[in-house]
Amino acid sequence: MSRIFVPGFGALPSLYRGALPDGWIVHEPPSFRAGPSLQDQQTALRATLGESDRPVTIAGHSMGAALAVMAACEQPERIERLLLIAPAGLPLSKPIRTSLADFFRQVAARVYRPGEVVRTLRPALVAPQSALRLARAVRSLDLREQLAEVRRRGIRCDVVGCVTDTLTPVGHCHRVAELAGARYQVVGAAGGHVWMFHEPALLARLLAD
């Protein structure tokens, strides 16, 4: 195991698996039911990294990208490359209620298969306070120092933004790339912050590079 994909906030690992090239595994984050803090999320990723006996490439979406940056700063000798897709890690300004409205528009547009909608919503509905606490923690993250550390250590890093993303817009992603000394690219996919669910083949190409 040398290539790990870290899901975004509340996203099921199964939403990404179909797009992953051979050799990639999806990290299984703690459920909202367990009441995990951001630190618990870090601990879980640390355990996944510990299963590999060689340096790893970590790709992460949104919160998963922020966790990847934190892991790289904590164990830089374990990280070969970072791929940060629509990364959290700088404070987000889009209201939570607007993000929820976007989610239900995506449901109506059949971005998610019906069974996945139920499975995605169930943990947050069972533990709404836990989900809200984690969402607020992710929204307020400021990893400028950690991103600068990635740059200082010369960790290979790529950042991907999307023109339709209004949660981590292209300017936000560009700033993350600048701070990390990363290569930056913009994709023109539909689907906003979850464009990879619309266009899994594009995610697969990015991961195969």
N, C-alpha and C. Protein backbone atom coordinates (compact mmCIF):
# COMPACT_ATOMS: atom_id res chain seq x y z
N MET A 1 0.84 -1.19 0.00
CA MET A 1 0.00 0.00 0.00
C MET A 1 0.88 1.24 0.00
N SER A 2 0.87 1.99 -1.12
CA SER A 2 1.68 3.21 -1.15
C SER A 2 0.91 4.41 -1.69
N ARG A 3 -0.39 4.21 -2.00
CA ARG A 3 -1.19 5.32 -2.51
C ARG A 3 -2.55 5.30 -1.80
N ILE A 4 -2.82 6.39 -1.08
CA ILE A 4 -4.00 6.46 -0.22
C ILE A 4 -4.84 7.66 -0.62
N PHE A 5 -6.14 7.44 -0.77
CA PHE A 5 -7.07 8.54 -1.05
C PHE A 5 -7.89 8.80 0.21
N VAL A 6 -7.97 10.07 0.61
CA VAL A 6 -8.68 10.46 1.83
C VAL A 6 -9.95 11.21 1.44
N PRO A 7 -11.13 10.68 1.79
CA PRO A 7 -12.40 11.31 1.38
C PRO A 7 -12.62 12.68 2.02
N GLY A 8 -13.54 13.41 1.41
CA GLY A 8 -13.96 14.68 1.96
C GLY A 8 -14.95 14.51 3.09
N PHE A 9 -15.34 15.62 3.70
CA PHE A 9 -16.25 15.64 4.84
C PHE A 9 -17.55 14.91 4.51
N GLY A 10 -17.86 13.89 5.29
CA GLY A 10 -19.13 13.19 5.16
C GLY A 10 -19.28 12.32 3.94
N ALA A 11 -18.25 12.24 3.10
CA ALA A 11 -18.36 11.48 1.85
C ALA A 11 -18.00 10.02 2.08
N LEU A 12 -18.79 9.14 1.52
CA LEU A 12 -18.54 7.72 1.65
C LEU A 12 -17.32 7.30 0.82
N PRO A 13 -16.47 6.44 1.35
CA PRO A 13 -15.36 5.92 0.54
C PRO A 13 -15.83 5.32 -0.78
N SER A 14 -17.01 4.71 -0.79
CA SER A 14 -17.51 4.07 -2.01
C SER A 14 -17.75 5.06 -3.13
N LEU A 15 -17.95 6.34 -2.82
CA LEU A 15 -18.18 7.35 -3.84
C LEU A 15 -16.93 7.56 -4.71
N TYR A 16 -15.78 7.25 -4.18
CA TYR A 16 -14.51 7.47 -4.88
C TYR A 16 -13.94 6.19 -5.49
N ARG A 17 -14.27 5.04 -4.92
CA ARG A 17 -13.55 3.81 -5.27
C ARG A 17 -13.58 3.51 -6.77
N GLY A 18 -14.71 3.75 -7.41
CA GLY A 18 -14.82 3.42 -8.82
C GLY A 18 -13.89 4.21 -9.71
N ALA A 19 -13.40 5.34 -9.21
CA ALA A 19 -12.51 6.20 -10.01
C ALA A 19 -11.04 5.93 -9.74
N LEU A 20 -10.74 5.11 -8.76
CA LEU A 20 -9.34 4.95 -8.36
C LEU A 20 -8.62 3.95 -9.25
N PRO A 21 -7.47 4.34 -9.80
CA PRO A 21 -6.67 3.38 -10.57
C PRO A 21 -6.15 2.26 -9.67
N ASP A 22 -5.65 1.22 -10.27
CA ASP A 22 -5.07 0.11 -9.51
C ASP A 22 -3.97 0.63 -8.60
N GLY A 23 -3.91 0.05 -7.42
CA GLY A 23 -2.86 0.42 -6.47
C GLY A 23 -3.29 1.44 -5.45
N TRP A 24 -4.46 2.05 -5.63
CA TRP A 24 -4.97 3.01 -4.67
C TRP A 24 -5.93 2.34 -3.69
N ILE A 25 -5.88 2.78 -2.44
CA ILE A 25 -6.89 2.39 -1.46
C ILE A 25 -7.56 3.66 -0.94
N VAL A 26 -8.77 3.50 -0.41
CA VAL A 26 -9.49 4.63 0.18
C VAL A 26 -9.41 4.50 1.70
N HIS A 27 -8.95 5.55 2.34
CA HIS A 27 -8.94 5.62 3.81
C HIS A 27 -10.37 5.62 4.33
N GLU A 28 -10.60 4.92 5.42
CA GLU A 28 -11.92 4.85 6.05
C GLU A 28 -11.93 5.79 7.26
N PRO A 29 -12.53 6.97 7.14
CA PRO A 29 -12.53 7.90 8.27
C PRO A 29 -13.52 7.48 9.34
N PRO A 30 -13.36 7.96 10.58
CA PRO A 30 -14.32 7.64 11.64
C PRO A 30 -15.71 8.19 11.29
N SER A 31 -16.74 7.46 11.72
CA SER A 31 -18.11 7.89 11.49
C SER A 31 -18.48 9.03 12.42
N PHE A 32 -19.43 9.85 11.99
CA PHE A 32 -19.97 10.90 12.87
C PHE A 32 -20.52 10.30 14.15
N ARG A 33 -20.99 9.07 14.08
CA ARG A 33 -21.58 8.43 15.26
C ARG A 33 -20.57 8.31 16.40
N ALA A 34 -19.29 8.24 16.04
CA ALA A 34 -18.24 8.14 17.05
C ALA A 34 -17.90 9.50 17.66
N GLY A 35 -18.52 10.56 17.14
CA GLY A 35 -18.26 11.91 17.65
C GLY A 35 -16.84 12.38 17.44
N PRO A 36 -16.24 12.10 16.28
CA PRO A 36 -14.82 12.39 16.11
C PRO A 36 -14.52 13.88 15.99
N SER A 37 -13.45 14.29 16.61
CA SER A 37 -12.93 15.63 16.41
C SER A 37 -11.99 15.60 15.21
N LEU A 38 -11.49 16.77 14.85
CA LEU A 38 -10.50 16.82 13.78
C LEU A 38 -9.24 16.05 14.18
N GLN A 39 -8.91 16.08 15.48
CA GLN A 39 -7.76 15.34 15.96
C GLN A 39 -7.98 13.83 15.82
N ASP A 40 -9.23 13.38 16.05
CA ASP A 40 -9.55 11.96 15.86
C ASP A 40 -9.40 11.57 14.39
N GLN A 41 -9.78 12.48 13.50
CA GLN A 41 -9.60 12.22 12.08
C GLN A 41 -8.12 12.06 11.75
N GLN A 42 -7.29 12.92 12.35
CA GLN A 42 -5.84 12.81 12.14
C GLN A 42 -5.31 11.48 12.66
N THR A 43 -5.79 11.07 13.82
CA THR A 43 -5.32 9.81 14.41
C THR A 43 -5.67 8.63 13.52
N ALA A 44 -6.88 8.65 12.95
CA ALA A 44 -7.31 7.56 12.08
C ALA A 44 -6.44 7.49 10.82
N LEU A 45 -6.12 8.65 10.24
CA LEU A 45 -5.26 8.66 9.05
C LEU A 45 -3.85 8.20 9.41
N ARG A 46 -3.39 8.59 10.57
CA ARG A 46 -2.06 8.14 11.02
C ARG A 46 -2.00 6.62 11.09
N ALA A 47 -3.08 6.01 11.56
CA ALA A 47 -3.12 4.55 11.65
C ALA A 47 -3.08 3.92 10.26
N THR A 48 -3.79 4.52 9.31
CA THR A 48 -3.77 4.00 7.94
C THR A 48 -2.37 4.11 7.35
N LEU A 49 -1.71 5.25 7.57
CA LEU A 49 -0.35 5.41 7.07
C LEU A 49 0.59 4.38 7.69
N GLY A 50 0.33 4.02 8.94
CA GLY A 50 1.18 3.07 9.63
C GLY A 50 1.11 1.67 9.06
N GLU A 51 0.13 1.41 8.19
CA GLU A 51 0.02 0.09 7.58
C GLU A 51 0.97 -0.09 6.40
N SER A 52 1.60 1.01 5.98
CA SER A 52 2.54 0.94 4.86
C SER A 52 3.97 0.96 5.39
N ASP A 53 4.83 0.15 4.78
CA ASP A 53 6.23 0.12 5.19
C ASP A 53 7.13 0.93 4.27
N ARG A 54 6.52 1.77 3.43
CA ARG A 54 7.30 2.60 2.52
C ARG A 54 6.61 3.96 2.36
N PRO A 55 7.31 4.96 1.83
CA PRO A 55 6.69 6.28 1.65
C PRO A 55 5.44 6.20 0.77
N VAL A 56 4.46 7.05 1.09
CA VAL A 56 3.17 6.97 0.42
C VAL A 56 2.85 8.26 -0.31
N THR A 57 2.03 8.12 -1.33
CA THR A 57 1.37 9.25 -1.97
C THR A 57 -0.01 9.37 -1.36
N ILE A 58 -0.36 10.56 -0.90
CA ILE A 58 -1.69 10.79 -0.35
C ILE A 58 -2.43 11.78 -1.25
N ALA A 59 -3.59 11.39 -1.71
CA ALA A 59 -4.51 12.30 -2.38
C ALA A 59 -5.68 12.52 -1.44
N GLY A 60 -6.16 13.74 -1.38
CA GLY A 60 -7.29 14.03 -0.51
C GLY A 60 -8.23 15.02 -1.14
N HIS A 61 -9.51 14.85 -0.85
CA HIS A 61 -10.54 15.76 -1.34
C HIS A 61 -11.06 16.58 -0.16
N SER A 62 -11.01 17.91 -0.29
CA SER A 62 -11.62 18.80 0.69
C SER A 62 -11.01 18.60 2.07
N MET A 63 -11.79 18.16 3.07
CA MET A 63 -11.23 17.88 4.39
C MET A 63 -10.11 16.86 4.29
N GLY A 64 -10.26 15.88 3.40
CA GLY A 64 -9.22 14.87 3.24
C GLY A 64 -7.90 15.47 2.80
N ALA A 65 -7.95 16.52 1.99
CA ALA A 65 -6.73 17.21 1.57
C ALA A 65 -6.07 17.91 2.75
N ALA A 66 -6.88 18.53 3.59
CA ALA A 66 -6.32 19.18 4.79
C ALA A 66 -5.66 18.16 5.70
N LEU A 67 -6.30 17.01 5.88
CA LEU A 67 -5.72 15.95 6.70
C LEU A 67 -4.40 15.46 6.09
N ALA A 68 -4.34 15.40 4.76
CA ALA A 68 -3.11 14.98 4.10
C ALA A 68 -1.97 15.96 4.39
N VAL A 69 -2.27 17.24 4.36
CA VAL A 69 -1.24 18.26 4.67
C VAL A 69 -0.75 18.10 6.11
N MET A 70 -1.68 17.89 7.03
CA MET A 70 -1.28 17.73 8.43
C MET A 70 -0.43 16.48 8.62
N ALA A 71 -0.79 15.41 7.92
CA ALA A 71 0.00 14.17 8.00
C ALA A 71 1.41 14.39 7.45
N ALA A 72 1.51 15.16 6.37
CA ALA A 72 2.81 15.41 5.76
C ALA A 72 3.72 16.21 6.69
N CYS A 73 3.14 17.11 7.44
CA CYS A 73 3.95 17.91 8.38
C CYS A 73 4.33 17.08 9.61
N GLU A 74 3.46 16.16 9.98
CA GLU A 74 3.72 15.33 11.15
C GLU A 74 4.75 14.25 10.87
N GLN A 75 4.69 13.65 9.64
CA GLN A 75 5.58 12.56 9.28
C GLN A 75 6.13 12.78 7.87
N PRO A 76 6.91 13.83 7.65
CA PRO A 76 7.34 14.14 6.29
C PRO A 76 8.15 13.03 5.64
N GLU A 77 8.85 12.26 6.43
CA GLU A 77 9.65 11.17 5.87
C GLU A 77 8.78 10.04 5.30
N ARG A 78 7.48 10.02 5.67
CA ARG A 78 6.58 8.97 5.20
C ARG A 78 5.86 9.36 3.91
N ILE A 79 6.00 10.63 3.49
CA ILE A 79 5.18 11.14 2.38
C ILE A 79 6.04 11.32 1.13
N GLU A 80 5.61 10.70 0.06
CA GLU A 80 6.30 10.84 -1.23
C GLU A 80 5.71 11.99 -2.04
N ARG A 81 4.38 12.12 -2.00
CA ARG A 81 3.70 13.13 -2.81
C ARG A 81 2.34 13.44 -2.20
N LEU A 82 1.88 14.68 -2.40
CA LEU A 82 0.52 15.09 -2.03
C LEU A 82 -0.23 15.50 -3.29
N LEU A 83 -1.50 15.11 -3.35
CA LEU A 83 -2.41 15.61 -4.39
C LEU A 83 -3.63 16.15 -3.68
N LEU A 84 -3.78 17.46 -3.67
CA LEU A 84 -4.83 18.14 -2.90
C LEU A 84 -5.92 18.60 -3.86
N ILE A 85 -7.10 18.00 -3.74
CA ILE A 85 -8.21 18.26 -4.65
C ILE A 85 -9.27 19.06 -3.91
N ALA A 86 -9.56 20.26 -4.42
CA ALA A 86 -10.52 21.16 -3.76
C ALA A 86 -10.23 21.23 -2.27
N PRO A 87 -9.00 21.59 -1.90
CA PRO A 87 -8.58 21.42 -0.51
C PRO A 87 -9.20 22.41 0.46
N ALA A 88 -9.64 21.90 1.62
CA ALA A 88 -9.84 22.75 2.78
C ALA A 88 -8.45 23.07 3.33
N GLY A 89 -8.41 23.90 4.37
CA GLY A 89 -7.11 24.23 4.94
C GLY A 89 -6.88 25.72 5.10
N LEU A 90 -7.72 26.52 4.45
CA LEU A 90 -7.81 27.95 4.71
C LEU A 90 -9.26 28.23 5.05
N PRO A 91 -9.54 29.27 5.85
CA PRO A 91 -10.92 29.52 6.28
C PRO A 91 -11.89 29.63 5.10
N LEU A 92 -13.05 28.98 5.25
CA LEU A 92 -14.07 28.96 4.21
C LEU A 92 -15.20 29.93 4.56
N SER A 93 -15.72 30.61 3.56
CA SER A 93 -16.74 31.62 3.82
C SER A 93 -18.14 31.22 3.37
N LYS A 94 -18.27 30.19 2.58
CA LYS A 94 -19.58 29.79 2.09
C LYS A 94 -20.43 29.28 3.25
N PRO A 95 -21.65 29.81 3.45
CA PRO A 95 -22.48 29.37 4.58
C PRO A 95 -22.82 27.88 4.49
N ILE A 96 -22.92 27.24 5.65
CA ILE A 96 -23.25 25.82 5.70
C ILE A 96 -24.62 25.58 5.05
N ARG A 97 -25.57 26.47 5.28
CA ARG A 97 -26.92 26.27 4.72
C ARG A 97 -26.88 26.29 3.18
N THR A 98 -25.98 27.09 2.62
CA THR A 98 -25.85 27.12 1.16
C THR A 98 -25.24 25.82 0.65
N SER A 99 -24.27 25.29 1.39
CA SER A 99 -23.68 24.01 1.01
C SER A 99 -24.71 22.90 1.07
N LEU A 100 -25.59 22.93 2.07
CA LEU A 100 -26.66 21.94 2.17
C LEU A 100 -27.61 22.04 0.99
N ALA A 101 -27.94 23.27 0.62
CA ALA A 101 -28.83 23.47 -0.53
C ALA A 101 -28.18 22.91 -1.80
N ASP A 102 -26.87 23.11 -1.94
CA ASP A 102 -26.16 22.55 -3.09
C ASP A 102 -26.23 21.03 -3.09
N PHE A 103 -26.08 20.45 -1.91
CA PHE A 103 -26.14 18.98 -1.81
C PHE A 103 -27.48 18.46 -2.32
N PHE A 104 -28.57 19.09 -1.92
CA PHE A 104 -29.88 18.60 -2.33
C PHE A 104 -30.13 18.86 -3.82
N ARG A 105 -29.51 19.91 -4.36
CA ARG A 105 -29.57 20.10 -5.82
C ARG A 105 -28.82 18.99 -6.53
N GLN A 106 -27.69 18.58 -5.97
CA GLN A 106 -26.94 17.48 -6.55
C GLN A 106 -27.72 16.17 -6.49
N VAL A 107 -28.43 15.96 -5.38
CA VAL A 107 -29.29 14.78 -5.27
C VAL A 107 -30.34 14.79 -6.37
N ALA A 108 -30.98 15.97 -6.55
CA ALA A 108 -32.01 16.08 -7.58
C ALA A 108 -31.44 15.85 -8.98
N ALA A 109 -30.18 16.23 -9.17
CA ALA A 109 -29.53 16.04 -10.47
C ALA A 109 -28.95 14.64 -10.63
N ARG A 110 -29.17 13.76 -9.65
CA ARG A 110 -28.74 12.36 -9.69
C ARG A 110 -27.22 12.21 -9.72
N VAL A 111 -26.55 13.13 -9.04
CA VAL A 111 -25.11 12.98 -8.89
C VAL A 111 -24.80 11.73 -8.05
N TYR A 112 -25.66 11.47 -7.07
CA TYR A 112 -25.51 10.31 -6.20
C TYR A 112 -26.55 9.26 -6.58
N ARG A 113 -26.16 7.99 -6.50
CA ARG A 113 -27.15 6.94 -6.67
C ARG A 113 -28.06 6.92 -5.45
N PRO A 114 -29.34 6.54 -5.61
CA PRO A 114 -30.31 6.62 -4.50
C PRO A 114 -29.82 5.97 -3.21
N GLY A 115 -29.24 4.79 -3.29
CA GLY A 115 -28.77 4.13 -2.09
C GLY A 115 -27.65 4.89 -1.41
N GLU A 116 -26.82 5.55 -2.20
CA GLU A 116 -25.71 6.32 -1.65
C GLU A 116 -26.21 7.56 -0.92
N VAL A 117 -27.30 8.15 -1.39
CA VAL A 117 -27.87 9.32 -0.72
C VAL A 117 -28.24 8.96 0.71
N VAL A 118 -28.96 7.85 0.85
CA VAL A 118 -29.39 7.41 2.18
C VAL A 118 -28.19 7.11 3.07
N ARG A 119 -27.21 6.40 2.52
CA ARG A 119 -26.03 6.04 3.30
C ARG A 119 -25.18 7.25 3.65
N THR A 120 -25.17 8.25 2.78
CA THR A 120 -24.42 9.48 3.05
C THR A 120 -25.07 10.30 4.16
N LEU A 121 -26.39 10.39 4.12
CA LEU A 121 -27.10 11.22 5.08
C LEU A 121 -27.24 10.58 6.45
N ARG A 122 -27.34 9.24 6.50
CA ARG A 122 -27.67 8.57 7.75
C ARG A 122 -26.74 8.93 8.91
N PRO A 123 -25.40 8.88 8.75
CA PRO A 123 -24.54 9.20 9.90
C PRO A 123 -24.74 10.61 10.42
N ALA A 124 -24.93 11.59 9.52
CA ALA A 124 -25.12 12.97 9.97
C ALA A 124 -26.47 13.14 10.66
N LEU A 125 -27.49 12.40 10.20
CA LEU A 125 -28.81 12.49 10.84
C LEU A 125 -28.81 11.82 12.20
N VAL A 126 -28.02 10.76 12.33
CA VAL A 126 -27.93 10.06 13.62
C VAL A 126 -27.14 10.88 14.63
N ALA A 127 -26.12 11.59 14.17
CA ALA A 127 -25.25 12.36 15.07
C ALA A 127 -25.07 13.78 14.54
N PRO A 128 -26.15 14.58 14.48
CA PRO A 128 -26.04 15.90 13.85
C PRO A 128 -25.10 16.85 14.57
N GLN A 129 -25.06 16.81 15.89
CA GLN A 129 -24.18 17.73 16.61
C GLN A 129 -22.72 17.41 16.34
N SER A 130 -22.41 16.12 16.29
CA SER A 130 -21.04 15.72 15.98
C SER A 130 -20.65 16.18 14.58
N ALA A 131 -21.56 15.98 13.61
CA ALA A 131 -21.29 16.40 12.24
C ALA A 131 -21.10 17.91 12.15
N LEU A 132 -21.92 18.66 12.87
CA LEU A 132 -21.83 20.12 12.83
C LEU A 132 -20.53 20.61 13.45
N ARG A 133 -20.13 20.01 14.57
CA ARG A 133 -18.86 20.40 15.20
C ARG A 133 -17.69 20.19 14.26
N LEU A 134 -17.69 19.03 13.60
CA LEU A 134 -16.58 18.75 12.68
C LEU A 134 -16.61 19.69 11.48
N ALA A 135 -17.81 19.96 10.97
CA ALA A 135 -17.94 20.88 9.83
C ALA A 135 -17.39 22.26 10.20
N ARG A 136 -17.73 22.74 11.37
CA ARG A 136 -17.24 24.05 11.80
C ARG A 136 -15.73 24.05 11.98
N ALA A 137 -15.18 22.96 12.49
CA ALA A 137 -13.73 22.88 12.66
C ALA A 137 -13.02 22.92 11.32
N VAL A 138 -13.58 22.20 10.34
CA VAL A 138 -12.97 22.19 9.01
C VAL A 138 -13.07 23.55 8.36
N ARG A 139 -14.21 24.21 8.51
CA ARG A 139 -14.42 25.53 7.90
C ARG A 139 -13.45 26.57 8.43
N SER A 140 -13.05 26.43 9.70
CA SER A 140 -12.19 27.45 10.30
C SER A 140 -10.70 27.10 10.22
N LEU A 141 -10.37 25.97 9.62
CA LEU A 141 -8.96 25.57 9.54
C LEU A 141 -8.10 26.65 8.87
N ASP A 142 -6.94 26.87 9.44
CA ASP A 142 -5.97 27.77 8.82
C ASP A 142 -4.61 27.07 8.87
N LEU A 143 -4.25 26.44 7.77
CA LEU A 143 -3.04 25.63 7.70
C LEU A 143 -1.91 26.36 6.97
N ARG A 144 -1.89 27.67 7.06
CA ARG A 144 -0.84 28.40 6.36
C ARG A 144 0.55 27.97 6.80
N GLU A 145 0.74 27.77 8.10
CA GLU A 145 2.06 27.35 8.58
C GLU A 145 2.40 25.95 8.09
N GLN A 146 1.43 25.05 8.10
CA GLN A 146 1.68 23.69 7.64
C GLN A 146 1.96 23.65 6.14
N LEU A 147 1.23 24.45 5.37
CA LEU A 147 1.47 24.50 3.93
C LEU A 147 2.87 25.06 3.64
N ALA A 148 3.27 26.06 4.41
CA ALA A 148 4.62 26.60 4.25
C ALA A 148 5.67 25.54 4.60
N GLU A 149 5.35 24.68 5.57
CA GLU A 149 6.28 23.61 5.94
C GLU A 149 6.40 22.59 4.81
N VAL A 150 5.29 22.29 4.14
CA VAL A 150 5.33 21.41 2.97
C VAL A 150 6.28 21.99 1.93
N ARG A 151 6.16 23.28 1.72
CA ARG A 151 7.05 23.94 0.74
C ARG A 151 8.50 23.90 1.20
N ARG A 152 8.73 24.19 2.46
CA ARG A 152 10.10 24.24 2.98
C ARG A 152 10.79 22.89 2.86
N ARG A 153 10.03 21.83 3.08
CA ARG A 153 10.60 20.48 3.04
C ARG A 153 10.70 19.94 1.61
N GLY A 154 10.16 20.66 0.66
CA GLY A 154 10.26 20.22 -0.72
C GLY A 154 9.43 19.00 -1.04
N ILE A 155 8.32 18.81 -0.31
CA ILE A 155 7.44 17.69 -0.58
C ILE A 155 6.71 17.96 -1.89
N ARG A 156 6.78 17.01 -2.81
CA ARG A 156 6.09 17.18 -4.09
C ARG A 156 4.59 17.30 -3.84
N CYS A 157 4.00 18.33 -4.42
CA CYS A 157 2.59 18.63 -4.13
C CYS A 157 1.91 19.19 -5.37
N ASP A 158 0.70 18.71 -5.63
CA ASP A 158 -0.15 19.23 -6.69
C ASP A 158 -1.48 19.64 -6.09
N VAL A 159 -2.03 20.74 -6.56
CA VAL A 159 -3.33 21.23 -6.11
C VAL A 159 -4.25 21.34 -7.31
N VAL A 160 -5.49 20.89 -7.16
CA VAL A 160 -6.47 20.93 -8.24
C VAL A 160 -7.69 21.73 -7.78
N GLY A 161 -8.01 22.77 -8.53
CA GLY A 161 -9.23 23.53 -8.32
C GLY A 161 -10.20 23.28 -9.46
N CYS A 162 -11.43 23.74 -9.28
CA CYS A 162 -12.46 23.54 -10.30
C CYS A 162 -13.24 24.84 -10.49
N VAL A 163 -13.48 25.20 -11.74
CA VAL A 163 -14.13 26.48 -12.04
C VAL A 163 -15.55 26.56 -11.51
N THR A 164 -16.21 25.43 -11.27
CA THR A 164 -17.59 25.46 -10.79
C THR A 164 -17.70 25.33 -9.27
N ASP A 165 -16.57 25.22 -8.59
CA ASP A 165 -16.56 25.02 -7.14
C ASP A 165 -16.76 26.36 -6.43
N THR A 166 -17.79 26.44 -5.60
CA THR A 166 -18.04 27.67 -4.85
C THR A 166 -17.73 27.52 -3.36
N LEU A 167 -17.32 26.33 -2.92
CA LEU A 167 -16.91 26.15 -1.53
C LEU A 167 -15.41 26.40 -1.38
N THR A 168 -14.62 25.76 -2.22
CA THR A 168 -13.18 26.04 -2.28
C THR A 168 -12.90 26.55 -3.71
N PRO A 169 -13.24 27.80 -3.98
CA PRO A 169 -13.14 28.31 -5.35
C PRO A 169 -11.70 28.39 -5.84
N VAL A 170 -11.56 28.70 -7.13
CA VAL A 170 -10.23 28.64 -7.74
C VAL A 170 -9.23 29.57 -7.05
N GLY A 171 -9.68 30.73 -6.57
CA GLY A 171 -8.77 31.62 -5.88
C GLY A 171 -8.26 31.02 -4.58
N HIS A 172 -9.14 30.36 -3.86
CA HIS A 172 -8.77 29.66 -2.63
C HIS A 172 -7.74 28.58 -2.93
N CYS A 173 -8.02 27.75 -3.94
CA CYS A 173 -7.11 26.65 -4.29
C CYS A 173 -5.76 27.18 -4.77
N HIS A 174 -5.79 28.28 -5.50
CA HIS A 174 -4.54 28.87 -5.97
C HIS A 174 -3.69 29.34 -4.80
N ARG A 175 -4.33 29.91 -3.79
CA ARG A 175 -3.60 30.36 -2.61
C ARG A 175 -2.98 29.18 -1.87
N VAL A 176 -3.73 28.07 -1.75
CA VAL A 176 -3.17 26.86 -1.14
C VAL A 176 -1.93 26.42 -1.90
N ALA A 177 -2.02 26.42 -3.23
CA ALA A 177 -0.88 26.00 -4.06
C ALA A 177 0.31 26.93 -3.85
N GLU A 178 0.08 28.22 -3.80
CA GLU A 178 1.18 29.18 -3.59
C GLU A 178 1.88 28.90 -2.27
N LEU A 179 1.09 28.71 -1.21
CA LEU A 179 1.67 28.51 0.11
C LEU A 179 2.48 27.22 0.18
N ALA A 180 2.01 26.18 -0.53
CA ALA A 180 2.68 24.88 -0.48
C ALA A 180 3.80 24.75 -1.51
N GLY A 181 3.96 25.75 -2.38
CA GLY A 181 4.93 25.62 -3.46
C GLY A 181 4.54 24.52 -4.43
N ALA A 182 3.24 24.39 -4.66
CA ALA A 182 2.70 23.27 -5.43
C ALA A 182 2.44 23.63 -6.88
N ARG A 183 2.42 22.62 -7.72
CA ARG A 183 1.92 22.78 -9.07
C ARG A 183 0.40 22.92 -8.98
N TYR A 184 -0.16 23.85 -9.75
CA TYR A 184 -1.59 24.13 -9.66
C TYR A 184 -2.25 23.94 -11.01
N GLN A 185 -3.40 23.29 -11.00
CA GLN A 185 -4.18 23.16 -12.22
C GLN A 185 -5.66 23.32 -11.92
N VAL A 186 -6.37 23.78 -12.93
CA VAL A 186 -7.82 24.01 -12.81
C VAL A 186 -8.53 23.11 -13.80
N VAL A 187 -9.59 22.44 -13.34
CA VAL A 187 -10.40 21.62 -14.24
C VAL A 187 -11.72 22.34 -14.49
N GLY A 188 -12.30 22.06 -15.63
CA GLY A 188 -13.53 22.74 -16.02
C GLY A 188 -14.77 21.88 -15.86
N ALA A 189 -14.74 20.96 -14.90
CA ALA A 189 -15.82 19.99 -14.74
C ALA A 189 -17.07 20.63 -14.14
N ALA A 190 -18.21 20.04 -14.46
CA ALA A 190 -19.45 20.37 -13.77
C ALA A 190 -19.46 19.68 -12.40
N GLY A 191 -20.35 20.12 -11.54
CA GLY A 191 -20.50 19.43 -10.26
C GLY A 191 -19.97 20.18 -9.07
N GLY A 192 -19.31 21.33 -9.29
CA GLY A 192 -18.86 22.13 -8.17
C GLY A 192 -17.84 21.42 -7.30
N HIS A 193 -18.05 21.47 -6.00
CA HIS A 193 -17.09 20.93 -5.04
C HIS A 193 -16.96 19.41 -5.14
N VAL A 194 -17.99 18.76 -5.66
CA VAL A 194 -17.94 17.29 -5.80
C VAL A 194 -17.91 16.91 -7.28
N TRP A 195 -17.14 17.65 -8.06
CA TRP A 195 -17.09 17.41 -9.51
C TRP A 195 -16.66 15.98 -9.83
N MET A 196 -15.85 15.37 -8.96
CA MET A 196 -15.35 14.01 -9.25
C MET A 196 -16.46 12.96 -9.23
N PHE A 197 -17.60 13.26 -8.60
CA PHE A 197 -18.73 12.33 -8.65
C PHE A 197 -19.44 12.44 -10.00
N HIS A 198 -19.37 13.63 -10.61
CA HIS A 198 -19.89 13.83 -11.97
C HIS A 198 -18.97 13.21 -13.01
N GLU A 199 -17.66 13.39 -12.80
CA GLU A 199 -16.69 12.99 -13.82
C GLU A 199 -15.59 12.13 -13.20
N PRO A 200 -15.92 10.91 -12.80
CA PRO A 200 -14.91 10.04 -12.17
C PRO A 200 -13.72 9.74 -13.08
N ALA A 201 -13.93 9.72 -14.38
CA ALA A 201 -12.81 9.44 -15.28
C ALA A 201 -11.75 10.53 -15.19
N LEU A 202 -12.16 11.76 -14.94
CA LEU A 202 -11.20 12.86 -14.79
C LEU A 202 -10.40 12.67 -13.51
N LEU A 203 -11.06 12.29 -12.43
CA LEU A 203 -10.33 12.00 -11.19
C LEU A 203 -9.34 10.87 -11.43
N ALA A 204 -9.77 9.84 -12.14
CA ALA A 204 -8.87 8.71 -12.40
C ALA A 204 -7.63 9.16 -13.16
N ARG A 205 -7.79 10.07 -14.12
CA ARG A 205 -6.63 10.57 -14.88
C ARG A 205 -5.68 11.35 -13.99
N LEU A 206 -6.24 12.15 -13.10
CA LEU A 206 -5.39 12.93 -12.20
C LEU A 206 -4.59 12.01 -11.28
N LEU A 207 -5.23 10.96 -10.80
CA LEU A 207 -4.56 10.04 -9.89
C LEU A 207 -3.53 9.17 -10.61
N ALA A 208 -3.72 9.00 -11.89
CA ALA A 208 -2.80 8.15 -12.67
C ALA A 208 -1.55 8.90 -13.09
N ASP A 209 -1.55 10.23 -13.00
CA ASP A 209 -0.38 11.02 -13.42
C ASP A 209 0.85 10.70 -12.58
